[in-house]
Amino acid sequence: MKKSIFYHAGCPVCVSAEHDIIELLGSNNVEVVHFGEDTTRINEAEMAGVKSVPALVTPNGNVLHINFGASMADVKA
């Protein structure tokens, strides 16, 4: 099974959501991408349809935006 991808920027809202997502889906079912640690994945997230973080991209390509933490423009700044 393909993993979901959880994108975030490291803010308190994002970190809290990360913990909840991992608890709900299990660490084997979700890849966590922290833009503060890996800026090379920003374009990938935008191409997938991520408009703000935290966001979860499901294996079938749906983007679930979770609590507004930061826009992608803020992440790129």
C-alpha atoms as a PDB file:
ATOM      1  CA  MET A   1       0.000   0.000   0.000  1.00  0.00           C
ATOM      2  CA  LYS A   2       1.223   3.464  -0.860  1.00  0.00           C
ATOM      3  CA  LYS A   3       1.731   5.778   2.119  1.00  0.00           C
ATOM      4  CA  SER A   4      -0.026   9.038   2.833  1.00  0.00           C
ATOM      5  CA  ILE A   5       2.298  12.049   2.995  1.00  0.00           C
ATOM      6  CA  PHE A   6       1.954  14.563   5.815  1.00  0.00           C
ATOM      7  CA  TYR A   7       3.534  17.931   5.013  1.00  0.00           C
ATOM      8  CA  HIS A   8       4.249  20.516   7.690  1.00  0.00           C
ATOM      9  CA  ALA A   9       6.434  23.468   8.613  1.00  0.00           C
ATOM     10  CA  GLY A  10       7.239  22.714  12.241  1.00  0.00           C
ATOM     11  CA  CYS A  11       4.894  25.209  13.916  1.00  0.00           C
ATOM     12  CA  PRO A  12       3.022  24.102  17.063  1.00  0.00           C
ATOM     13  CA  VAL A  13      -0.192  23.502  15.072  1.00  0.00           C
ATOM     14  CA  CYS A  14       1.743  21.324  12.617  1.00  0.00           C
ATOM     15  CA  VAL A  15       3.575  19.315  15.266  1.00  0.00           C
ATOM     16  CA  SER A  16       0.347  18.637  17.152  1.00  0.00           C
ATOM     17  CA  ALA A  17      -1.345  17.498  13.942  1.00  0.00           C
ATOM     18  CA  GLU A  18       1.667  15.302  13.097  1.00  0.00           C
ATOM     19  CA  HIS A  19       1.329  13.447  16.382  1.00  0.00           C
ATOM     20  CA  ASP A  20      -2.410  12.941  15.848  1.00  0.00           C
ATOM     21  CA  ILE A  21      -1.971  11.752  12.248  1.00  0.00           C
ATOM     22  CA  ILE A  22       0.697   9.238  13.247  1.00  0.00           C
ATOM     23  CA  GLU A  23      -1.489   7.994  16.094  1.00  0.00           C
ATOM     24  CA  LEU A  24      -4.474   7.623  13.754  1.00  0.00           C
ATOM     25  CA  LEU A  25      -2.735   6.098  10.730  1.00  0.00           C
ATOM     26  CA  GLY A  26       0.320   4.470  12.264  1.00  0.00           C
ATOM     27  CA  SER A  27       3.902   5.449  11.522  1.00  0.00           C
ATOM     28  CA  ASN A  28       4.211   2.737   8.855  1.00  0.00           C
ATOM     29  CA  ASN A  29       1.379   4.284   6.833  1.00  0.00           C
ATOM     30  CA  VAL A  30       2.452   7.920   6.695  1.00  0.00           C
ATOM     31  CA  GLU A  31       5.572   9.706   5.495  1.00  0.00           C
ATOM     32  CA  VAL A  32       6.244  12.957   7.362  1.00  0.00           C
ATOM     33  CA  VAL A  33       7.829  15.833   5.438  1.00  0.00           C
ATOM     34  CA  HIS A  34       9.004  18.796   7.535  1.00  0.00           C
ATOM     35  CA  PHE A  35       9.761  21.725   5.231  1.00  0.00           C
ATOM     36  CA  GLY A  36      12.140  23.245   7.779  1.00  0.00           C
ATOM     37  CA  GLU A  37      14.283  20.143   7.359  1.00  0.00           C
ATOM     38  CA  ASP A  38      13.711  19.477   3.646  1.00  0.00           C
ATOM     39  CA  THR A  39      12.820  22.452   1.459  1.00  0.00           C
ATOM     40  CA  THR A  40      13.360  20.369  -1.690  1.00  0.00           C
ATOM     41  CA  ARG A  41       9.902  18.817  -1.194  1.00  0.00           C
ATOM     42  CA  ILE A  42       7.962  22.133  -1.340  1.00  0.00           C
ATOM     43  CA  ASN A  43       7.416  21.971  -5.112  1.00  0.00           C
ATOM     44  CA  GLU A  44       6.242  18.362  -4.831  1.00  0.00           C
ATOM     45  CA  ALA A  45       3.655  19.385  -2.234  1.00  0.00           C
ATOM     46  CA  GLU A  46       2.423  22.285  -4.358  1.00  0.00           C
ATOM     47  CA  MET A  47       2.135  20.018  -7.411  1.00  0.00           C
ATOM     48  CA  ALA A  48       0.021  17.648  -5.300  1.00  0.00           C
ATOM     49  CA  GLY A  49      -2.340  20.531  -4.464  1.00  0.00           C
ATOM     50  CA  VAL A  50      -1.152  21.532  -0.995  1.00  0.00           C
ATOM     51  CA  LYS A  51      -2.166  25.163  -0.363  1.00  0.00           C
ATOM     52  CA  SER A  52      -1.319  25.372   3.343  1.00  0.00           C
ATOM     53  CA  VAL A  53       0.242  23.257   6.048  1.00  0.00           C
ATOM     54  CA  PRO A  54      -0.333  21.058   7.865  1.00  0.00           C
ATOM     55  CA  ALA A  55      -1.775  18.930   5.081  1.00  0.00           C
ATOM     56  CA  LEU A  56      -2.130  15.233   4.394  1.00  0.00           C
ATOM     57  CA  VAL A  57      -2.011  13.850   0.860  1.00  0.00           C
ATOM     58  CA  THR A  58      -3.740  10.482   0.710  1.00  0.00           C
ATOM     59  CA  PRO A  59      -2.498   7.578  -1.407  1.00  0.00           C
ATOM     60  CA  ASN A  60      -5.144   8.316  -4.043  1.00  0.00           C
ATOM     61  CA  GLY A  61      -4.123  11.996  -4.272  1.00  0.00           C
ATOM     62  CA  ASN A  62      -6.706  13.749  -2.121  1.00  0.00           C
ATOM     63  CA  VAL A  63      -5.319  16.712  -0.163  1.00  0.00           C
ATOM     64  CA  LEU A  64      -6.666  17.134   3.359  1.00  0.00           C
ATOM     65  CA  HIS A  65      -5.816  20.543   4.799  1.00  0.00           C
ATOM     66  CA  ILE A  66      -5.743  20.353   8.599  1.00  0.00           C
ATOM     67  CA  ASN A  67      -6.064  23.458  10.799  1.00  0.00           C
ATOM     68  CA  PHE A  68      -4.430  26.434   9.170  1.00  0.00           C
ATOM     69  CA  GLY A  69      -0.802  26.727  10.277  1.00  0.00           C
ATOM     70  CA  ALA A  70       0.897  28.511   7.357  1.00  0.00           C
ATOM     71  CA  SER A  71       0.274  29.154   3.684  1.00  0.00           C
ATOM     72  CA  MET A  72       2.697  27.732   1.143  1.00  0.00           C
ATOM     73  CA  ALA A  73       3.751  31.331   0.402  1.00  0.00           C
ATOM     74  CA  ASP A  74       4.768  31.667   4.050  1.00  0.00           C
ATOM     75  CA  VAL A  75       6.626  28.356   3.902  1.00  0.00           C
ATOM     76  CA  LYS A  76       8.628  29.498   0.841  1.00  0.00           C
ATOM     77  CA  ALA A  77       9.506  32.886   2.369  1.00  0.00           C
END
